[in-house]
Amino acid sequence: MLKNSTVVAIVIAAIFSLKPACAQDTRTTKATELLFGFSQLNNSVEGRNALDENLETSIGVNNNSTDAQRAKAISDNTISALVGSMSNGLLVADALGSRMNNIFSASNSINAATYSATTFSKNFSDLFSQVNALVQMDSSFSKNYFANGSADGNPASPAIGIVLPNDGVYNVYDLAYSPLAENKNTVGNSRPVQVAPGRVESFSSADFFGVQTNSSVAILPTVKGNASFPSGHSAFGFSSTILFAQMVPERFQEFILRGSEYGNSRITLGVHYAFDVIGARIMTTYALAQVLNNNPDYLGKNVSGLGSEIVTTNDFHALMLAAQTDLRTLLEQGCQTTIAECVAANKAEGLNEAARNKADYLYRLTYGIAPVGPTDLAPVVPEGAEVLIATRFPYLTNEQRREVLATTEIESGHALDNGSGWARLNLYSAADGYGAFNGKVAVTMDASKGGFNAYDVWGNDISGTGSFVKEGSGVLEFIGNNSFSGATHVAGGALIINGYHGNSSVTVDDGALLGGSGTVGALAGMSGAVIAPGNSIGTLNVMNNVTFGSGSHYVVEVAADGRSDLIQSAGTAILNGGEVAVSLENRGNLLTQIEVQSLIGQKYTILTAQQGISGQFTSVQPDYLFLGTGLSYQPNQIVLNVGRNATAFADVAQTQNQRAVATAVEALRAGNSLYESILTIGSTNEARQAFRQLSGQIHADIASALINNSRYVREAQNDRLRQAEGQASSSDIKADEDGAWAQLFWSMGITRQVMLTRLAFRHQPMVF
């Protein structure tokens, strides 16, 4: 019987060392040529230093990994789960988040013994199987080619149709690291555990199926005949997570991060270097862009799958849309709501964690290895790369998506950067929007289309000298530390600023809204504009002047505990009219609260200006039936006063019972939970409904009707007994003892107004 590690080694060879159907295939050679710089690293001081850092960094990742990282590394390595996930992605589906992952996992499975998988959708399975087959064929060819120049790992079978650069060499790692002969990889490009076996730490944890696994026994021995560069496992991780990210863009960053984590797991185990994972990311990102763009080189191709030939689709775009529809339907049915709402309900990530994830992903793009070339070259966006963020930014044009990629790229000059731009793409950062405004950027969002068209968040720190225009009906939120110096124009929909925006002046047009608790340079609200600080209650800071035009609206939210929205200006507040609209923060059901603070007599500072206030608002309007508001103007601040208006509770009552209840409630006075509940009612109809429910009239009427209804059964029985005894007769009913008899009746109850004094329940029976 073969040892388990031997079986695993055979499977690994089957996955990652398959002989390509055609060694000189254009698709494969183009992908491999992206990494030609690897073959030249031994030729320069900078390159040799980078190789030294590559080894030390990789061993450091292994030695310094946490227990959680080691557990994830062993789970991610599970070969049967990897094979099954080639068609259903289950191994990386945890990036969906716990709730959606449970839904997904319930409809997909992998058999640990047979390596077989079930998938909820044929479209989904076809997409994953075909893309992973393409990616693995490219990866396995490159692995063998960079190790010894072959297509299949056998130096006697050199690859055809591809030639290294003049100064390029094969087997770079063995030349640089000189592994002992007995430890060398039999193909070439020996792995860290083969180069420095005494420095790589092994460990134990549960695999994907919960089986305890020791890396030194079950994993490290399996890579003896499989070259290190690039990483085949990582290629699967990147391809599968990019596919998921396209289909569920609400979890775009989580999947992009998961791909990075999957690659890092290979370094954690000690079976791959940083360069192996970086190379896999470059090749796979390129391949996925070709697939999503329907590159003819990837359509209708015969590629080797696991034990069979796979013919790829003639339309990856259509297959992607079909698979996406199936996946989103599955998730939405399981969530019983939209994916966006499902994600929001399950998202606990805070700003600190988001920043840490972004930093981790950025680090893994280079693993901190020093560049080997100039770092100040202009950004380069590869042709077609914009498709990778198309579902994340459906409201941007292709040119705008390219600009997003350009302004979020990493610097040039790193070891595997061949100048094409594929090595520099930072998809995690790109998912947070523009990194810089270098000219006028106008974004139009159509809220009627839903999803990101209706609401989106940009999290990058936006630099540059350009300007920004927000158009359309959707809502866009900025949460970064922005430093761009051009103007901001809110022409439609809403712009929410919850970060720093202090170098840009903001103008808000008619029908548009500015909100948030961030900082802006200057603020001007035109006629019809809405300025609403905070996300609920919050403060909007203005570095310079704030101006309210005639017909503008300052929407202020207040709370009974003294909190309120506030605009703080370091300049002058210029008031050319406009309305202050007051609303109350939701206090929940006051009747369930022991202590209730009253709004009566509250004073709120709603605007301050260090350089003084010029002019006044035209009006202040509360959003409530029984509250009155007024403004007090002081040299450097405006105070909102809230009190009782002249409308008595009973003034809006419609019936005598309602008036009686209204008068009684008003006598309770401020601070009483029932009084405060009525105090904040917004409309006459709402007040009347409350008084009617409190009156209790309906309960008395229904009780009377129920008592009255009970007589029908009683009277029917008595009438029949009287007929049988001859005390009553009916021409329609035979009175003998053998007759059958029935009496039917129906009734109708309605609630209606009676003589303008009360609402009553009326019961109208009919017997027949």
Foldseek 3Di string as FASTA:
>chain_A
DDDLLQVLLVLCCLQQQDQWPALQQPLLQVLLVLQLLLQQLVVDPLSLLLLVCQLVLLLVLQVPPDPVLLQLLQQLPLSLVLLQCLQAVLSLLCLLFDQLNVLQDVQKDTDSVPSHIDHNDPLSRQLSNLLLLSLSQSRSQSQLCQFQQARRLDNVHHGPNHDRPPNGDHQSQCVSQVFDPVLAQPSHQAFQCSSCVPSRDWDWYAYNVGHIDTLVPNPPVSCSHTHAAADSSLLSLLQSLLLVCLLPVLSNLSSNLSSLSSLSSCSNSRGYTLNNNLSSQLSNLVSVLCLCVQPVSSAQDWGDGNVDTDGHHNHSNVSSVVSSVVSQVSSCVSQVHHSNVVCVVRDDDDPVNLVVSLVVLVCSLQVPRDFQDDFPDAAAQAPRSLSSCCSLCVQDDSVQSSQLQRQQWGTDGHSSRPPRRSSGGDSSLSSLPHQEAAEEAETEAECVVPDVSAEDEREHAYAYAYEYEYHYAHEYEYAYQYHHQEEYEDEYHEYEYAEEAQNYEYEYEAHYEYEYAYEHAEEEYEANYEYEYHPAAHEYEYAEEYEYAANYEYEKEAELVQTIHAYEYQYEYEYHAYEYEYEYGDPDQLVPDPWDRFLAFHKHWHYFYNHFYHDDYNYYHYQADFKDWDWDDDGTTIMITIHGDPDQLLNLAFAQLLNVQSVVLVVVDTTDSSVRVLRRHRDSVVSNVVSQVVSCQAVVQVVVVVVVVVVPVVVVVVVLVCLLVVVDHDPVFDNDPPGDDDKDKDKDWDWDDDPRHHIHIDIDIDID
